[in-house]
Amino acid sequence: MRTTSLLRTSVALAAATALLGACSDSDADDDTTATPSSSESSEPAGSTPSTPADLPAGVLALPEAPTGGTSIDVAAGRYRVRLDDALSFDVTLPAGSTVHDNGLFLATPSFVLKTELAGEEYGVPRDPCTDQTIEPAGSTVEDLVAALSDLPAYEVSAPEAVELGGAEGAYLEARVPRGYDDSKCAGGAVQLPGNPDTAVGGPAPYTGRWWVLDVEGRRVVVQQNCWGCSDRDLARAPKTAGTITFTATP
């Protein structure tokens, strides 16, 4: 696995550790909310930044991480996240959120949201536990959905037609059960689908909500990843993914 993949996996594992603590605390005290940690330096959110002239009213520019770091805590609000020179998305983040890698990972107190372009290199691991090499999964929504549906280690639901952020595609739910033995996995992590340089993993148990979308002819994947979450935790979590709206990059 490439070095960048290992570094990004550490980000996911750090967030997963925070989420595990949050879920444990919530079982004991429903009023307790944990703030996700970051694997790199981050700084507390200050005042909410103003909306730049080239963004719609109420949409904020994503703050840059401090020098030497890759993450930053942000105030609650609606933010513009750039995917590339042509495509961006707006998303509403709750209080206690942390932005990693310029918005590739958005860690809320409840889960980690990952949104990325899923071109021809995007795919699934040969084996999420023992051979985490990413194998490309075609170029269409249907190609990727078929690969996700046959993914070892994961219990994946039947795909459902969905609309998210103005784009159409498929929605799937995926789980790695609590009893899954991840001790034999590389780094104790079960690998997720992704691009070769951005794929991450985490420990069992895992619950994911995956959207595979066609955005103006481009394949985009939104992952809502949660390690150690119960159904109750997810039911109480903010519907952050549902606030996504895709838009052209200014």
Protein backbone atom coordinates (compact mmCIF):
# COMPACT_ATOMS: atom_id res chain seq x y z
CA MET A 1 0.00 0.00 0.00
CA ARG A 2 1.22 3.48 -0.79
CA THR A 3 2.58 5.72 1.96
CA THR A 4 -0.18 8.27 1.38
CA SER A 5 -2.78 5.57 1.96
CA LEU A 6 -1.17 4.66 5.27
CA LEU A 7 -1.11 8.29 6.36
CA ARG A 8 -4.75 8.79 5.45
CA THR A 9 -5.65 5.56 7.23
CA SER A 10 -4.18 7.04 10.41
CA VAL A 11 -6.57 9.97 10.02
CA ALA A 12 -9.51 7.61 9.76
CA LEU A 13 -8.34 5.54 12.72
CA ALA A 14 -7.91 8.65 14.85
CA ALA A 15 -11.43 9.75 13.99
CA ALA A 16 -12.69 6.22 14.59
CA THR A 17 -11.11 6.19 18.04
CA ALA A 18 -12.87 9.45 18.89
CA LEU A 19 -16.17 8.08 17.63
CA LEU A 20 -15.78 4.91 19.68
CA GLY A 21 -15.32 7.09 22.75
CA ALA A 22 -18.30 9.21 21.81
CA CYS A 23 -20.54 6.18 21.39
CA SER A 24 -19.36 4.73 24.69
CA ASP A 25 -20.03 8.01 26.48
CA SER A 26 -23.46 8.38 24.89
CA ASP A 27 -24.53 5.00 26.24
CA ALA A 28 -23.76 6.25 29.74
CA ASP A 29 -24.94 9.82 29.36
CA ASP A 30 -27.11 10.94 26.43
CA ASP A 31 -26.17 14.58 27.04
CA THR A 32 -22.45 14.01 26.47
CA THR A 33 -21.04 14.78 23.01
CA ALA A 34 -17.40 14.09 22.14
CA THR A 35 -15.39 16.27 19.79
CA PRO A 36 -13.54 14.29 17.10
CA SER A 37 -9.76 14.33 17.34
CA SER A 38 -7.37 14.79 14.45
CA SER A 39 -4.16 12.97 13.59
CA GLU A 40 -2.49 16.23 12.62
CA SER A 41 -2.39 19.61 14.32
CA SER A 42 -5.67 21.48 14.39
CA GLU A 43 -6.81 24.72 15.87
CA PRO A 44 -10.08 25.60 17.60
CA ALA A 45 -12.79 27.20 15.54
CA GLY A 46 -12.95 30.93 15.99
CA SER A 47 -15.58 33.25 14.64
CA THR A 48 -17.47 32.04 11.59
CA PRO A 49 -15.79 33.45 8.44
CA SER A 50 -17.68 35.80 6.19
CA THR A 51 -19.11 34.70 2.85
CA PRO A 52 -16.80 35.57 -0.08
CA ALA A 53 -18.28 37.56 -2.94
CA ASP A 54 -18.14 34.60 -5.35
CA LEU A 55 -20.21 32.33 -3.06
CA PRO A 56 -23.98 32.36 -2.49
CA ALA A 57 -25.32 34.09 0.59
CA GLY A 58 -24.88 31.91 3.65
CA VAL A 59 -22.20 29.67 2.10
CA LEU A 60 -18.75 29.97 3.68
CA ALA A 61 -15.33 29.30 2.23
CA LEU A 62 -13.65 26.29 3.80
CA PRO A 63 -10.90 27.56 6.13
CA GLU A 64 -7.34 26.49 5.43
CA ALA A 65 -5.50 24.29 7.91
CA PRO A 66 -2.74 25.98 9.93
CA THR A 67 0.81 25.82 8.60
CA GLY A 68 2.21 22.33 8.99
CA GLY A 69 -1.17 20.71 9.63
CA THR A 70 -3.86 19.03 7.57
CA SER A 71 -6.91 19.62 9.75
CA ILE A 72 -8.84 22.46 11.32
CA ASP A 73 -11.88 22.70 13.60
CA VAL A 74 -14.72 24.74 12.13
CA ALA A 75 -17.77 26.51 13.46
CA ALA A 76 -21.21 25.21 12.56
CA GLY A 77 -22.32 26.46 9.16
CA ARG A 78 -22.67 25.76 5.46
CA TYR A 79 -19.37 25.41 3.59
CA ARG A 80 -18.15 25.14 0.00
CA VAL A 81 -15.83 22.16 -0.58
CA ARG A 82 -13.86 21.93 -3.81
CA LEU A 83 -13.55 18.55 -5.55
CA ASP A 84 -11.57 19.86 -8.53
CA ASP A 85 -11.41 22.85 -10.87
CA ALA A 86 -14.85 22.06 -12.28
CA LEU A 87 -16.91 20.57 -9.44
CA SER A 88 -17.57 21.49 -5.81
CA PHE A 89 -20.27 20.83 -3.23
CA ASP A 90 -21.89 22.75 -0.41
CA VAL A 91 -22.55 21.01 2.90
CA THR A 92 -23.92 22.04 6.30
CA LEU A 93 -21.64 20.99 9.17
CA PRO A 94 -22.72 20.76 12.82
CA ALA A 95 -20.82 22.21 15.75
CA GLY A 96 -17.78 20.17 16.74
CA SER A 97 -16.75 19.31 13.18
CA THR A 98 -13.17 19.01 11.94
CA VAL A 99 -12.06 19.39 8.33
CA HIS A 100 -9.25 17.09 7.15
CA ASP A 101 -7.28 17.22 3.90
CA ASN A 102 -9.07 20.27 2.46
CA GLY A 103 -12.49 18.73 2.96
CA LEU A 104 -11.86 15.18 1.75
CA PHE A 105 -12.77 14.04 5.26
CA LEU A 106 -15.34 15.96 7.30
CA ALA A 107 -15.36 14.56 10.84
CA THR A 108 -18.50 15.37 12.82
CA PRO A 109 -19.08 14.25 16.42
CA SER A 110 -21.13 11.34 15.01
CA PHE A 111 -19.33 10.08 11.88
CA VAL A 112 -16.77 10.86 9.18
CA LEU A 113 -18.11 12.08 5.84
CA LYS A 114 -15.87 11.45 2.82
CA THR A 115 -16.79 12.84 -0.61
CA GLU A 116 -14.62 12.39 -3.68
CA LEU A 117 -14.54 11.98 -7.43
CA ALA A 118 -14.60 8.30 -8.36
CA GLY A 119 -12.91 8.06 -11.74
CA GLU A 120 -11.49 4.99 -13.42
CA GLU A 121 -8.94 4.37 -10.63
CA TYR A 122 -11.64 4.23 -7.95
CA GLY A 123 -12.45 0.73 -6.82
CA VAL A 124 -12.67 -1.86 -4.09
CA PRO A 125 -9.97 -3.77 -2.18
CA ARG A 126 -9.18 -7.29 -3.37
CA ASP A 127 -9.76 -8.34 0.21
CA PRO A 128 -10.60 -5.59 2.74
CA CYS A 129 -8.64 -7.43 5.42
CA THR A 130 -5.72 -9.37 3.93
CA ASP A 131 -5.11 -7.83 0.49
CA GLN A 132 -6.04 -4.17 0.56
CA THR A 133 -4.86 -3.34 -2.95
CA ILE A 134 -7.53 -1.28 -4.70
CA GLU A 135 -8.88 -2.86 -7.89
CA PRO A 136 -10.56 -0.38 -10.29
CA ALA A 137 -14.32 -0.82 -10.66
CA GLY A 138 -15.15 0.35 -14.16
CA SER A 139 -16.31 3.83 -15.01
CA THR A 140 -20.07 3.87 -14.41
CA VAL A 141 -22.29 3.98 -11.35
CA GLU A 142 -23.53 0.50 -12.22
CA ASP A 143 -19.98 -0.90 -12.43
CA LEU A 144 -19.10 0.36 -8.97
CA VAL A 145 -22.38 -0.69 -7.39
CA ALA A 146 -21.84 -4.23 -8.68
CA ALA A 147 -18.34 -4.32 -7.16
CA LEU A 148 -19.56 -2.94 -3.83
CA SER A 149 -22.35 -5.51 -3.66
CA ASP A 150 -19.81 -8.38 -3.80
CA LEU A 151 -17.30 -6.88 -1.36
CA PRO A 152 -15.88 -9.46 1.10
CA ALA A 153 -16.06 -8.81 4.87
CA TYR A 154 -18.92 -6.31 4.47
CA GLU A 155 -22.64 -6.97 4.76
CA VAL A 156 -23.98 -4.77 1.95
CA SER A 157 -27.64 -3.99 1.37
CA ALA A 158 -29.33 -4.17 -2.01
CA PRO A 159 -28.83 -0.88 -3.88
CA GLU A 160 -31.66 1.63 -3.96
CA ALA A 161 -32.20 4.41 -6.49
CA VAL A 162 -31.51 7.77 -4.86
CA GLU A 163 -31.20 11.49 -5.50
CA LEU A 164 -28.69 13.52 -3.52
CA GLY A 165 -27.61 17.08 -4.04
CA GLY A 166 -29.17 17.30 -7.47
CA ALA A 167 -27.54 14.07 -8.71
CA GLU A 168 -29.00 10.62 -9.22
CA GLY A 169 -27.42 7.30 -8.38
CA ALA A 170 -27.56 4.40 -5.93
CA TYR A 171 -27.59 4.15 -2.14
CA LEU A 172 -26.21 1.22 -0.15
CA GLU A 173 -25.70 0.47 3.52
CA ALA A 174 -22.66 -1.54 4.59
CA ARG A 175 -21.66 -3.14 7.86
CA VAL A 176 -18.74 -4.99 9.35
CA PRO A 177 -20.29 -6.80 12.31
CA ARG A 178 -19.01 -6.44 15.85
CA GLY A 179 -17.88 -10.07 15.91
CA TYR A 180 -15.63 -9.72 12.87
CA ASP A 181 -12.01 -10.64 13.70
CA ASP A 182 -9.97 -7.67 12.48
CA SER A 183 -6.80 -8.77 14.30
CA LYS A 184 -5.59 -10.49 11.10
CA CYS A 185 -6.10 -7.33 9.02
CA ALA A 186 -3.29 -4.97 8.04
CA GLY A 187 -3.01 -2.42 10.83
CA GLY A 188 -6.12 -3.88 12.48
CA ALA A 189 -8.22 -2.02 9.89
CA VAL A 190 -10.80 -3.25 7.41
CA GLN A 191 -10.22 -1.38 4.15
CA LEU A 192 -12.94 0.71 2.54
CA PRO A 193 -13.51 1.30 -1.18
CA GLY A 194 -11.79 4.39 -2.52
CA ASN A 195 -9.18 5.86 -4.80
CA PRO A 196 -5.75 4.19 -4.44
CA ASP A 197 -4.27 7.29 -2.77
CA THR A 198 -7.22 8.09 -0.50
CA ALA A 199 -8.63 4.72 0.58
CA VAL A 200 -8.88 4.32 4.36
CA GLY A 201 -9.97 1.68 6.82
CA GLY A 202 -10.92 1.22 10.44
CA PRO A 203 -11.67 -1.41 13.07
CA ALA A 204 -14.82 -3.49 13.43
CA PRO A 205 -17.64 -2.81 14.01
CA TYR A 206 -18.34 -0.45 11.12
CA THR A 207 -21.52 1.04 9.73
CA GLY A 208 -21.47 2.91 6.44
CA ARG A 209 -23.92 4.71 4.24
CA TRP A 210 -22.69 4.96 0.67
CA TRP A 211 -24.02 7.06 -2.20
CA VAL A 212 -22.68 6.37 -5.71
CA LEU A 213 -23.75 9.28 -7.90
CA ASP A 214 -23.64 10.54 -11.46
CA VAL A 215 -22.97 14.27 -11.23
CA GLU A 216 -23.18 15.79 -14.70
CA GLY A 217 -21.58 12.69 -16.20
CA ARG A 218 -18.94 12.31 -13.47
CA ARG A 219 -18.98 9.56 -10.86
CA VAL A 220 -18.87 10.79 -7.26
CA VAL A 221 -18.96 8.72 -4.07
CA VAL A 222 -20.16 9.98 -0.70
CA GLN A 223 -19.31 7.77 2.28
CA GLN A 224 -20.75 8.30 5.75
CA ASN A 225 -18.40 6.19 7.87
CA CYS A 226 -18.92 5.30 11.51
CA TRP A 227 -16.88 2.90 13.61
CA GLY A 228 -18.43 1.52 16.78
CA CYS A 229 -21.81 3.16 16.21
CA SER A 230 -25.15 1.71 17.25
CA ASP A 231 -28.39 2.14 15.32
CA ARG A 232 -29.46 4.58 18.04
CA ASP A 233 -26.34 6.67 17.51
CA LEU A 234 -27.02 6.90 13.78
CA ALA A 235 -30.69 7.72 14.32
CA ARG A 236 -29.70 10.68 16.52
CA ALA A 237 -26.92 11.87 14.22
CA PRO A 238 -27.36 14.96 12.03
CA LYS A 239 -28.33 14.26 8.42
CA THR A 240 -25.20 15.94 7.10
CA ALA A 241 -25.00 13.98 3.85
CA GLY A 242 -28.54 15.04 3.02
CA THR A 243 -27.47 18.70 3.04
CA ILE A 244 -24.99 18.23 0.18
CA THR A 245 -25.63 20.19 -3.02
CA PHE A 246 -23.29 19.82 -5.99
CA THR A 247 -22.29 22.93 -7.87
CA ALA A 248 -19.74 24.21 -10.37
CA THR A 249 -16.43 25.43 -8.94
CA PRO A 250 -16.27 29.25 -9.22
